Amino acid sequence: MTPPNPSDGSTDSDAPNIEVVPLTAAFASVASALHAKGFDDAWDSDAIIRLLDVPGAFGILAYRPGDTSKNAEDQPLGFVLVQAVLDEAEINTITVAPDARRMGVGRALLKAVEERLQQADVNRILLEVAVDNDAAIALYQQHGFAEVGRRKGYYARQGGDKIDALVLERLL
């Protein structure tokens, strides 16, 4: 079990057993379904595969292992897609299934990304996040990310509204 984090309201009873594995093309449809639960402009399987094919790109999938004694299947919880170039990386997207939020999935994904990037001698991670995504901003701040910029009207919302993105950075 993932230990609870008092700062995010999780408890032992709601914290899933989280495993992480490389996100490969074989899991693209799973990742696409997760992305659709978290974003209005979700990426389809082909888009995810194309990104994974870019040099320096990788993904990580988080899941809850199934219980074979109960004939329960693995449950996808979230994923992250990253692209590294030389000593710098950008998180292109990260999403957690709505029913798995505030249970440590985002933390597990970020930790796995940071470990992989440190092994590759990457020393800087960047990402964009909508200014109104308070939960994600709090998670990133807990992981040492700090605001380094803002992109005006970066995200388009359903209905045509535009919202700014914060550009966040973490040095490894």
C-alpha atoms as a PDB file:
ATOM      1  CA  MET A   1       0.000   0.000   0.000  1.00  0.00           C
ATOM      2  CA  THR A   2       1.089   3.517  -0.702  1.00  0.00           C
ATOM      3  CA  PRO A   3       1.436   5.383   2.591  1.00  0.00           C
ATOM      4  CA  PRO A   4      -1.133   8.113   3.096  1.00  0.00           C
ATOM      5  CA  ASN A   5      -0.166  11.720   2.654  1.00  0.00           C
ATOM      6  CA  PRO A   6      -1.937  13.871   5.230  1.00  0.00           C
ATOM      7  CA  SER A   7      -1.570  16.932   3.004  1.00  0.00           C
ATOM      8  CA  ASP A   8      -3.752  15.460   0.282  1.00  0.00           C
ATOM      9  CA  GLY A   9      -6.509  13.914   2.372  1.00  0.00           C
ATOM     10  CA  SER A  10      -5.748  10.299   1.458  1.00  0.00           C
ATOM     11  CA  THR A  11      -6.046   7.474   3.947  1.00  0.00           C
ATOM     12  CA  ASP A  12      -4.993   3.836   4.128  1.00  0.00           C
ATOM     13  CA  SER A  13      -8.512   2.736   3.243  1.00  0.00           C
ATOM     14  CA  ASP A  14      -8.621   4.630  -0.061  1.00  0.00           C
ATOM     15  CA  ALA A  15      -4.972   4.390  -1.163  1.00  0.00           C
ATOM     16  CA  PRO A  16      -4.543   1.864  -3.975  1.00  0.00           C
ATOM     17  CA  ASN A  17      -1.573  -0.408  -4.406  1.00  0.00           C
ATOM     18  CA  ILE A  18       0.152   1.492  -7.209  1.00  0.00           C
ATOM     19  CA  GLU A  19       2.484  -0.146  -9.707  1.00  0.00           C
ATOM     20  CA  VAL A  20       4.194   1.676 -12.577  1.00  0.00           C
ATOM     21  CA  VAL A  21       5.369   0.239 -15.884  1.00  0.00           C
ATOM     22  CA  PRO A  22       6.670   1.733 -19.122  1.00  0.00           C
ATOM     23  CA  LEU A  23       3.865   3.021 -21.325  1.00  0.00           C
ATOM     24  CA  THR A  24       4.284   1.319 -24.677  1.00  0.00           C
ATOM     25  CA  ALA A  25       2.208   1.334 -27.862  1.00  0.00           C
ATOM     26  CA  ALA A  26       0.452  -1.791 -26.554  1.00  0.00           C
ATOM     27  CA  PHE A  27      -1.147   0.387 -23.846  1.00  0.00           C
ATOM     28  CA  ALA A  28      -2.024   3.327 -26.112  1.00  0.00           C
ATOM     29  CA  SER A  29      -5.765   2.604 -26.066  1.00  0.00           C
ATOM     30  CA  VAL A  30      -5.699   2.397 -22.257  1.00  0.00           C
ATOM     31  CA  ALA A  31      -3.832   5.714 -22.080  1.00  0.00           C
ATOM     32  CA  SER A  32      -6.232   7.307 -24.563  1.00  0.00           C
ATOM     33  CA  ALA A  33      -9.231   6.250 -22.454  1.00  0.00           C
ATOM     34  CA  LEU A  34      -7.579   7.724 -19.349  1.00  0.00           C
ATOM     35  CA  HIS A  35      -6.770  10.947 -21.199  1.00  0.00           C
ATOM     36  CA  ALA A  36     -10.420  11.290 -22.274  1.00  0.00           C
ATOM     37  CA  LYS A  37     -11.451  11.219 -18.604  1.00  0.00           C
ATOM     38  CA  GLY A  38      -9.135  14.107 -17.775  1.00  0.00           C
ATOM     39  CA  PHE A  39      -9.116  16.416 -20.781  1.00  0.00           C
ATOM     40  CA  ASP A  40     -11.700  17.976 -23.085  1.00  0.00           C
ATOM     41  CA  ASP A  41      -9.271  17.735 -26.014  1.00  0.00           C
ATOM     42  CA  ALA A  42      -8.158  14.156 -25.328  1.00  0.00           C
ATOM     43  CA  TRP A  43      -5.498  12.459 -27.396  1.00  0.00           C
ATOM     44  CA  ASP A  44      -6.413   9.333 -29.310  1.00  0.00           C
ATOM     45  CA  SER A  45      -4.291   6.163 -29.415  1.00  0.00           C
ATOM     46  CA  ASP A  46      -2.539   7.222 -32.621  1.00  0.00           C
ATOM     47  CA  ALA A  47      -1.459  10.542 -31.105  1.00  0.00           C
ATOM     48  CA  ILE A  48      -0.034   8.770 -28.075  1.00  0.00           C
ATOM     49  CA  ILE A  49       1.848   6.280 -30.258  1.00  0.00           C
ATOM     50  CA  ARG A  50       3.238   9.112 -32.411  1.00  0.00           C
ATOM     51  CA  LEU A  51       4.517  10.897 -29.312  1.00  0.00           C
ATOM     52  CA  LEU A  52       6.099   7.713 -27.949  1.00  0.00           C
ATOM     53  CA  ASP A  53       7.922   7.356 -31.291  1.00  0.00           C
ATOM     54  CA  VAL A  54       9.620  10.770 -30.938  1.00  0.00           C
ATOM     55  CA  PRO A  55      13.315  10.465 -29.982  1.00  0.00           C
ATOM     56  CA  GLY A  56      13.728  10.971 -26.235  1.00  0.00           C
ATOM     57  CA  ALA A  57      10.043  10.406 -25.477  1.00  0.00           C
ATOM     58  CA  PHE A  58       8.750   7.901 -22.959  1.00  0.00           C
ATOM     59  CA  GLY A  59       5.655   7.224 -20.956  1.00  0.00           C
ATOM     60  CA  ILE A  60       4.818   5.638 -17.627  1.00  0.00           C
ATOM     61  CA  LEU A  61       1.538   3.935 -16.806  1.00  0.00           C
ATOM     62  CA  ALA A  62       0.282   3.563 -13.228  1.00  0.00           C
ATOM     63  CA  TYR A  63      -2.130   0.781 -12.380  1.00  0.00           C
ATOM     64  CA  ARG A  64      -3.608  -1.161  -9.495  1.00  0.00           C
ATOM     65  CA  PRO A  65      -2.770  -4.873  -9.837  1.00  0.00           C
ATOM     66  CA  GLY A  66      -5.761  -7.145 -10.126  1.00  0.00           C
ATOM     67  CA  ASP A  67      -6.580  -9.752  -7.522  1.00  0.00           C
ATOM     68  CA  THR A  68      -6.480 -13.154  -9.187  1.00  0.00           C
ATOM     69  CA  SER A  69      -8.205 -14.773  -6.210  1.00  0.00           C
ATOM     70  CA  LYS A  70     -11.213 -12.537  -6.922  1.00  0.00           C
ATOM     71  CA  ASN A  71     -10.847 -12.706 -10.706  1.00  0.00           C
ATOM     72  CA  ALA A  72     -10.245  -8.934 -10.707  1.00  0.00           C
ATOM     73  CA  GLU A  73      -8.322  -7.363 -13.579  1.00  0.00           C
ATOM     74  CA  ASP A  74      -5.603  -4.720 -13.348  1.00  0.00           C
ATOM     75  CA  GLN A  75      -7.073  -1.207 -13.090  1.00  0.00           C
ATOM     76  CA  PRO A  76      -5.380   1.627 -15.027  1.00  0.00           C
ATOM     77  CA  LEU A  77      -4.991   4.647 -12.750  1.00  0.00           C
ATOM     78  CA  GLY A  78      -3.061   7.236 -14.752  1.00  0.00           C
ATOM     79  CA  PHE A  79      -0.139   7.921 -17.043  1.00  0.00           C
ATOM     80  CA  VAL A  80       2.443  10.505 -17.987  1.00  0.00           C
ATOM     81  CA  LEU A  81       4.159  11.270 -21.306  1.00  0.00           C
ATOM     82  CA  VAL A  82       7.555  12.952 -21.297  1.00  0.00           C
ATOM     83  CA  GLN A  83      10.051  14.084 -23.895  1.00  0.00           C
ATOM     84  CA  ALA A  84      13.704  14.576 -23.000  1.00  0.00           C
ATOM     85  CA  VAL A  85      16.222  16.460 -25.129  1.00  0.00           C
ATOM     86  CA  LEU A  86      19.800  16.558 -23.890  1.00  0.00           C
ATOM     87  CA  ASP A  87      19.668  17.648 -20.231  1.00  0.00           C
ATOM     88  CA  GLU A  88      16.096  18.971 -20.264  1.00  0.00           C
ATOM     89  CA  ALA A  89      12.663  17.296 -20.324  1.00  0.00           C
ATOM     90  CA  GLU A  90       9.068  18.367 -20.723  1.00  0.00           C
ATOM     91  CA  ILE A  91       6.033  16.624 -19.310  1.00  0.00           C
ATOM     92  CA  ASN A  92       3.692  16.665 -22.313  1.00  0.00           C
ATOM     93  CA  THR A  93       0.706  15.322 -20.385  1.00  0.00           C
ATOM     94  CA  ILE A  94      -0.148  13.659 -17.116  1.00  0.00           C
ATOM     95  CA  THR A  95      -3.556  12.412 -16.078  1.00  0.00           C
ATOM     96  CA  VAL A  96      -5.100  10.419 -13.259  1.00  0.00           C
ATOM     97  CA  ALA A  97      -8.467   8.673 -13.469  1.00  0.00           C
ATOM     98  CA  PRO A  98     -11.095  10.693 -11.575  1.00  0.00           C
ATOM     99  CA  ASP A  99     -11.815   7.855  -9.129  1.00  0.00           C
ATOM    100  CA  ALA A 100      -8.085   7.493  -8.346  1.00  0.00           C
ATOM    101  CA  ARG A 101      -7.309  11.138  -7.618  1.00  0.00           C
ATOM    102  CA  ARG A 102      -5.869  12.182  -4.247  1.00  0.00           C
ATOM    103  CA  MET A 103      -4.589   8.631  -3.684  1.00  0.00           C
ATOM    104  CA  GLY A 104      -0.918   9.099  -4.560  1.00  0.00           C
ATOM    105  CA  VAL A 105      -1.088   8.182  -8.257  1.00  0.00           C
ATOM    106  CA  GLY A 106       0.234  11.554  -9.442  1.00  0.00           C
ATOM    107  CA  ARG A 107       3.038  11.378  -6.880  1.00  0.00           C
ATOM    108  CA  ALA A 108       3.967   7.871  -8.035  1.00  0.00           C
ATOM    109  CA  LEU A 109       4.060   8.979 -11.675  1.00  0.00           C
ATOM    110  CA  LEU A 110       6.179  12.056 -10.946  1.00  0.00           C
ATOM    111  CA  LYS A 111       8.579  10.025  -8.805  1.00  0.00           C
ATOM    112  CA  ALA A 112       9.018   7.462 -11.602  1.00  0.00           C
ATOM    113  CA  VAL A 113       9.635  10.247 -14.140  1.00  0.00           C
ATOM    114  CA  GLU A 114      12.184  11.950 -11.892  1.00  0.00           C
ATOM    115  CA  GLU A 115      14.049   8.669 -11.295  1.00  0.00           C
ATOM    116  CA  ARG A 116      14.235   7.902 -15.007  1.00  0.00           C
ATOM    117  CA  LEU A 117      15.351  11.418 -15.893  1.00  0.00           C
ATOM    118  CA  GLN A 118      18.045  11.448 -13.214  1.00  0.00           C
ATOM    119  CA  GLN A 119      19.444   8.199 -14.682  1.00  0.00           C
ATOM    120  CA  ALA A 120      19.573   9.959 -18.066  1.00  0.00           C
ATOM    121  CA  ASP A 121      21.440  12.970 -16.592  1.00  0.00           C
ATOM    122  CA  VAL A 122      18.487  15.299 -17.193  1.00  0.00           C
ATOM    123  CA  ASN A 123      18.629  18.204 -14.768  1.00  0.00           C
ATOM    124  CA  ARG A 124      15.519  20.251 -15.635  1.00  0.00           C
ATOM    125  CA  ILE A 125      11.830  19.366 -16.073  1.00  0.00           C
ATOM    126  CA  LEU A 126       9.242  21.745 -17.533  1.00  0.00           C
ATOM    127  CA  LEU A 127       5.472  21.517 -17.828  1.00  0.00           C
ATOM    128  CA  GLU A 128       2.407  23.643 -18.441  1.00  0.00           C
ATOM    129  CA  VAL A 129      -0.696  23.556 -16.254  1.00  0.00           C
ATOM    130  CA  ALA A 130      -3.955  25.482 -16.460  1.00  0.00           C
ATOM    131  CA  VAL A 131      -4.082  28.300 -13.916  1.00  0.00           C
ATOM    132  CA  ASP A 132      -7.386  26.968 -12.579  1.00  0.00           C
ATOM    133  CA  ASN A 133      -6.134  23.406 -11.955  1.00  0.00           C
ATOM    134  CA  ASP A 134      -5.486  23.913  -8.241  1.00  0.00           C
ATOM    135  CA  ALA A 135      -5.030  20.208  -7.431  1.00  0.00           C
ATOM    136  CA  ALA A 136      -2.359  19.722 -10.106  1.00  0.00           C
ATOM    137  CA  ILE A 137      -0.575  22.945  -9.168  1.00  0.00           C
ATOM    138  CA  ALA A 138      -0.456  21.818  -5.520  1.00  0.00           C
ATOM    139  CA  LEU A 139       0.941  18.420  -6.548  1.00  0.00           C
ATOM    140  CA  TYR A 140       3.649  20.023  -8.674  1.00  0.00           C
ATOM    141  CA  GLN A 141       4.584  22.469  -5.922  1.00  0.00           C
ATOM    142  CA  GLN A 142       4.894  19.547  -3.478  1.00  0.00           C
ATOM    143  CA  HIS A 143       7.352  18.011  -5.956  1.00  0.00           C
ATOM    144  CA  GLY A 144       9.495  21.137  -6.098  1.00  0.00           C
ATOM    145  CA  PHE A 145       8.139  22.740  -9.254  1.00  0.00           C
ATOM    146  CA  ALA A 146       8.103  26.532  -9.342  1.00  0.00           C
ATOM    147  CA  GLU A 147       6.487  28.994 -11.734  1.00  0.00           C
ATOM    148  CA  VAL A 148       8.839  30.399 -14.371  1.00  0.00           C
ATOM    149  CA  GLY A 149       6.336  31.846 -16.817  1.00  0.00           C
ATOM    150  CA  ARG A 150       2.798  32.131 -18.090  1.00  0.00           C
ATOM    151  CA  ARG A 151       1.250  31.466 -21.497  1.00  0.00           C
ATOM    152  CA  LYS A 152      -1.762  33.682 -22.147  1.00  0.00           C
ATOM    153  CA  GLY A 153      -4.817  31.905 -23.563  1.00  0.00           C
ATOM    154  CA  TYR A 154      -2.887  28.622 -23.907  1.00  0.00           C
ATOM    155  CA  TYR A 155      -5.786  26.249 -23.216  1.00  0.00           C
ATOM    156  CA  ALA A 156      -9.118  26.315 -25.041  1.00  0.00           C
ATOM    157  CA  ARG A 157     -12.096  25.233 -22.945  1.00  0.00           C
ATOM    158  CA  GLN A 158     -15.354  23.829 -24.237  1.00  0.00           C
ATOM    159  CA  GLY A 159     -17.465  26.791 -25.240  1.00  0.00           C
ATOM    160  CA  GLY A 160     -14.457  28.653 -26.608  1.00  0.00           C
ATOM    161  CA  ASP A 161     -13.071  30.218 -23.428  1.00  0.00           C
ATOM    162  CA  LYS A 162      -9.288  30.538 -23.299  1.00  0.00           C
ATOM    163  CA  ILE A 163      -7.346  30.072 -20.088  1.00  0.00           C
ATOM    164  CA  ASP A 164      -3.753  30.833 -19.216  1.00  0.00           C
ATOM    165  CA  ALA A 165      -1.162  28.180 -18.486  1.00  0.00           C
ATOM    166  CA  LEU A 166       1.523  28.410 -15.860  1.00  0.00           C
ATOM    167  CA  VAL A 167       4.936  27.232 -16.995  1.00  0.00           C
ATOM    168  CA  LEU A 168       6.535  25.305 -14.138  1.00  0.00           C
ATOM    169  CA  GLU A 169      10.106  24.115 -13.723  1.00  0.00           C
ATOM    170  CA  ARG A 170      11.865  21.654 -11.465  1.00  0.00           C
ATOM    171  CA  LEU A 171      15.612  21.305 -11.257  1.00  0.00           C
ATOM    172  CA  LEU A 172      16.865  17.809 -10.528  1.00  0.00           C
END
